[in-house]
């Protein structure tokens, strides 16, 4: 079972990050964290690694609804978007919130996750239309 949705973009990682951040905002999400994994590996492990970035995204309205249902849900939010440089493109990977929530077996959280999943699909589709432009 795939736990993510993904797309390849014909951009470098910095260009893709800017595009993803812009599109995420159109769906009511903000970027709450940015982790450059490759830079951490270089600094902490003296390891050269391909450009690899994790963006933590959050929609405050959905976060509030989820926390109201389960005050421990903060352990698995925000929704992460991962970008990694491949040869001439960047892979963008978005967590599938429905898969993430499924083990909790909670109808309200499942509904919230479904709504977020629709937004994530819209983000992927907007990225696809950029790729086709």
C-alpha atoms as a PDB file:
ATOM      1  CA  UNK A   1       0.000   0.000   0.000  1.00  0.00           C
ATOM      2  CA  UNK A   2       1.444   3.379  -1.046  1.00  0.00           C
ATOM      3  CA  UNK A   3       1.535   5.903   1.754  1.00  0.00           C
ATOM      4  CA  UNK A   4       2.258   8.845  -0.523  1.00  0.00           C
ATOM      5  CA  UNK A   5       1.333  10.715  -3.697  1.00  0.00           C
ATOM      6  CA  UNK A   6       4.148  11.886  -5.943  1.00  0.00           C
ATOM      7  CA  UNK A   7       5.125  13.714  -9.097  1.00  0.00           C
ATOM      8  CA  UNK A   8       8.332  14.492 -10.992  1.00  0.00           C
ATOM      9  CA  UNK A   9       9.007  18.140 -11.888  1.00  0.00           C
ATOM     10  CA  UNK A  10      11.480  19.317 -14.504  1.00  0.00           C
ATOM     11  CA  UNK A  11      13.038  21.809 -12.091  1.00  0.00           C
ATOM     12  CA  UNK A  12      15.864  21.970  -9.603  1.00  0.00           C
ATOM     13  CA  UNK A  13      15.064  21.572  -5.916  1.00  0.00           C
ATOM     14  CA  UNK A  14      15.074  25.303  -5.130  1.00  0.00           C
ATOM     15  CA  UNK A  15      12.729  26.126  -8.014  1.00  0.00           C
ATOM     16  CA  UNK A  16      10.476  23.204  -7.066  1.00  0.00           C
ATOM     17  CA  UNK A  17      10.396  24.330  -3.437  1.00  0.00           C
ATOM     18  CA  UNK A  18       9.227  27.820  -4.414  1.00  0.00           C
ATOM     19  CA  UNK A  19       6.531  26.354  -6.678  1.00  0.00           C
ATOM     20  CA  UNK A  20       5.343  23.867  -4.049  1.00  0.00           C
ATOM     21  CA  UNK A  21       5.208  26.576  -1.370  1.00  0.00           C
ATOM     22  CA  UNK A  22       3.100  28.807  -3.656  1.00  0.00           C
ATOM     23  CA  UNK A  23       0.689  26.012  -4.584  1.00  0.00           C
ATOM     24  CA  UNK A  24       0.361  24.757  -0.999  1.00  0.00           C
ATOM     25  CA  UNK A  25      -0.744  28.244   0.059  1.00  0.00           C
ATOM     26  CA  UNK A  26      -3.557  28.203  -2.534  1.00  0.00           C
ATOM     27  CA  UNK A  27      -5.045  25.255  -0.619  1.00  0.00           C
ATOM     28  CA  UNK A  28      -4.933  27.003   2.765  1.00  0.00           C
ATOM     29  CA  UNK A  29      -1.717  25.406   4.027  1.00  0.00           C
ATOM     30  CA  UNK A  30       1.352  27.159   5.312  1.00  0.00           C
ATOM     31  CA  UNK A  31       4.931  25.990   5.583  1.00  0.00           C
ATOM     32  CA  UNK A  32       5.706  25.543   9.281  1.00  0.00           C
ATOM     33  CA  UNK A  33       9.091  23.845   8.954  1.00  0.00           C
ATOM     34  CA  UNK A  34      11.849  23.186   6.447  1.00  0.00           C
ATOM     35  CA  UNK A  35      14.503  20.534   6.922  1.00  0.00           C
ATOM     36  CA  UNK A  36      17.372  20.277   4.442  1.00  0.00           C
ATOM     37  CA  UNK A  37      18.374  16.679   5.042  1.00  0.00           C
ATOM     38  CA  UNK A  38      21.401  16.843   2.757  1.00  0.00           C
ATOM     39  CA  UNK A  39      22.814  19.798   4.680  1.00  0.00           C
ATOM     40  CA  UNK A  40      22.259  18.045   8.021  1.00  0.00           C
ATOM     41  CA  UNK A  41      23.992  14.913   6.704  1.00  0.00           C
ATOM     42  CA  UNK A  42      26.936  17.020   5.522  1.00  0.00           C
ATOM     43  CA  UNK A  43      27.212  18.939   8.798  1.00  0.00           C
ATOM     44  CA  UNK A  44      26.558  16.134  11.278  1.00  0.00           C
ATOM     45  CA  UNK A  45      27.794  13.046   9.439  1.00  0.00           C
ATOM     46  CA  UNK A  46      30.282  14.504   6.967  1.00  0.00           C
ATOM     47  CA  UNK A  47      28.241  12.737   4.292  1.00  0.00           C
ATOM     48  CA  UNK A  48      27.566  14.061   0.808  1.00  0.00           C
ATOM     49  CA  UNK A  49      23.932  13.409  -0.144  1.00  0.00           C
ATOM     50  CA  UNK A  50      21.693  14.493  -2.998  1.00  0.00           C
ATOM     51  CA  UNK A  51      19.536  17.592  -2.368  1.00  0.00           C
ATOM     52  CA  UNK A  52      16.704  16.318  -0.164  1.00  0.00           C
ATOM     53  CA  UNK A  53      14.242  18.623   1.603  1.00  0.00           C
ATOM     54  CA  UNK A  54      11.247  18.067   3.882  1.00  0.00           C
ATOM     55  CA  UNK A  55       8.608  20.782   4.189  1.00  0.00           C
ATOM     56  CA  UNK A  56       6.183  20.594   7.098  1.00  0.00           C
ATOM     57  CA  UNK A  57       2.812  21.966   5.997  1.00  0.00           C
ATOM     58  CA  UNK A  58      -0.187  22.800   8.112  1.00  0.00           C
ATOM     59  CA  UNK A  59      -3.727  24.024   7.602  1.00  0.00           C
ATOM     60  CA  UNK A  60      -4.657  25.522  10.983  1.00  0.00           C
ATOM     61  CA  UNK A  61      -8.395  24.876  10.552  1.00  0.00           C
ATOM     62  CA  UNK A  62      -7.826  21.158   9.948  1.00  0.00           C
ATOM     63  CA  UNK A  63      -5.231  20.974  12.719  1.00  0.00           C
ATOM     64  CA  UNK A  64      -7.689  22.504  15.189  1.00  0.00           C
ATOM     65  CA  UNK A  65     -10.445  20.062  14.185  1.00  0.00           C
ATOM     66  CA  UNK A  66      -8.105  17.080  14.521  1.00  0.00           C
ATOM     67  CA  UNK A  67      -6.684  18.179  17.885  1.00  0.00           C
ATOM     68  CA  UNK A  68     -10.219  18.714  19.191  1.00  0.00           C
ATOM     69  CA  UNK A  69     -10.933  15.040  18.401  1.00  0.00           C
ATOM     70  CA  UNK A  70      -7.604  13.587  19.585  1.00  0.00           C
ATOM     71  CA  UNK A  71      -5.216  15.739  21.603  1.00  0.00           C
ATOM     72  CA  UNK A  72      -2.307  13.379  20.782  1.00  0.00           C
ATOM     73  CA  UNK A  73      -2.704  13.841  17.006  1.00  0.00           C
ATOM     74  CA  UNK A  74      -0.021  16.539  17.089  1.00  0.00           C
ATOM     75  CA  UNK A  75       2.530  13.722  17.166  1.00  0.00           C
ATOM     76  CA  UNK A  76       1.769  12.979  13.500  1.00  0.00           C
ATOM     77  CA  UNK A  77       1.052  16.436  12.119  1.00  0.00           C
ATOM     78  CA  UNK A  78       2.049  18.506  10.139  1.00  0.00           C
ATOM     79  CA  UNK A  79       1.640  16.926   6.712  1.00  0.00           C
ATOM     80  CA  UNK A  80       5.092  16.498   5.214  1.00  0.00           C
ATOM     81  CA  UNK A  81       6.069  17.186   1.642  1.00  0.00           C
ATOM     82  CA  UNK A  82       9.410  15.758   0.590  1.00  0.00           C
ATOM     83  CA  UNK A  83      11.457  16.964  -2.371  1.00  0.00           C
ATOM     84  CA  UNK A  84      14.507  15.162  -3.672  1.00  0.00           C
ATOM     85  CA  UNK A  85      16.716  15.972  -6.602  1.00  0.00           C
ATOM     86  CA  UNK A  86      16.874  13.283  -9.240  1.00  0.00           C
ATOM     87  CA  UNK A  87      19.135  13.663 -12.288  1.00  0.00           C
ATOM     88  CA  UNK A  88      17.272  16.332 -14.264  1.00  0.00           C
ATOM     89  CA  UNK A  89      14.151  16.602 -12.148  1.00  0.00           C
ATOM     90  CA  UNK A  90      12.809  16.808  -8.638  1.00  0.00           C
ATOM     91  CA  UNK A  91      10.496  14.243  -7.134  1.00  0.00           C
ATOM     92  CA  UNK A  92       7.805  15.764  -4.920  1.00  0.00           C
ATOM     93  CA  UNK A  93       6.235  13.333  -2.446  1.00  0.00           C
ATOM     94  CA  UNK A  94       3.214  14.163  -0.309  1.00  0.00           C
ATOM     95  CA  UNK A  95       2.093  11.966   2.559  1.00  0.00           C
ATOM     96  CA  UNK A  96      -1.354  10.424   2.087  1.00  0.00           C
ATOM     97  CA  UNK A  97      -3.216  11.538   5.218  1.00  0.00           C
ATOM     98  CA  UNK A  98      -5.886   8.849   4.797  1.00  0.00           C
ATOM     99  CA  UNK A  99      -3.278   6.084   5.087  1.00  0.00           C
ATOM    100  CA  UNK A 100      -1.688   7.825   8.059  1.00  0.00           C
ATOM    101  CA  UNK A 101      -5.002   8.101   9.961  1.00  0.00           C
ATOM    102  CA  UNK A 102      -6.489   4.725   9.013  1.00  0.00           C
ATOM    103  CA  UNK A 103      -4.947   2.739  11.920  1.00  0.00           C
ATOM    104  CA  UNK A 104      -6.602   5.114  14.408  1.00  0.00           C
ATOM    105  CA  UNK A 105     -10.028   3.829  13.341  1.00  0.00           C
ATOM    106  CA  UNK A 106     -11.749   7.134  14.123  1.00  0.00           C
ATOM    107  CA  UNK A 107     -14.576   8.245  11.822  1.00  0.00           C
ATOM    108  CA  UNK A 108     -14.154  11.966  12.461  1.00  0.00           C
ATOM    109  CA  UNK A 109     -10.384  11.884  11.925  1.00  0.00           C
ATOM    110  CA  UNK A 110     -10.922   9.777   8.813  1.00  0.00           C
ATOM    111  CA  UNK A 111     -13.280  12.420   7.425  1.00  0.00           C
ATOM    112  CA  UNK A 112     -10.773  15.179   8.181  1.00  0.00           C
ATOM    113  CA  UNK A 113      -8.028  13.123   6.513  1.00  0.00           C
ATOM    114  CA  UNK A 114     -10.244  12.619   3.445  1.00  0.00           C
ATOM    115  CA  UNK A 115     -10.772  16.376   3.161  1.00  0.00           C
ATOM    116  CA  UNK A 116      -7.032  16.987   3.473  1.00  0.00           C
ATOM    117  CA  UNK A 117      -6.359  14.247   0.928  1.00  0.00           C
ATOM    118  CA  UNK A 118      -8.573  16.068  -1.583  1.00  0.00           C
ATOM    119  CA  UNK A 119      -6.476  19.197  -1.033  1.00  0.00           C
ATOM    120  CA  UNK A 120      -3.266  17.197  -1.485  1.00  0.00           C
ATOM    121  CA  UNK A 121      -4.651  15.782  -4.752  1.00  0.00           C
ATOM    122  CA  UNK A 122      -5.375  19.342  -5.886  1.00  0.00           C
ATOM    123  CA  UNK A 123      -1.777  20.281  -5.069  1.00  0.00           C
ATOM    124  CA  UNK A 124      -0.479  17.335  -7.137  1.00  0.00           C
ATOM    125  CA  UNK A 125      -2.823  18.270  -9.995  1.00  0.00           C
ATOM    126  CA  UNK A 126      -1.632  21.882  -9.930  1.00  0.00           C
ATOM    127  CA  UNK A 127       1.945  20.623 -10.076  1.00  0.00           C
ATOM    128  CA  UNK A 128       0.991  18.367 -13.014  1.00  0.00           C
ATOM    129  CA  UNK A 129      -0.519  21.294 -14.879  1.00  0.00           C
ATOM    130  CA  UNK A 130       2.687  23.256 -14.280  1.00  0.00           C
ATOM    131  CA  UNK A 131       4.657  20.343 -15.728  1.00  0.00           C
ATOM    132  CA  UNK A 132       2.400  20.289 -18.792  1.00  0.00           C
ATOM    133  CA  UNK A 133       2.568  24.058 -19.362  1.00  0.00           C
END
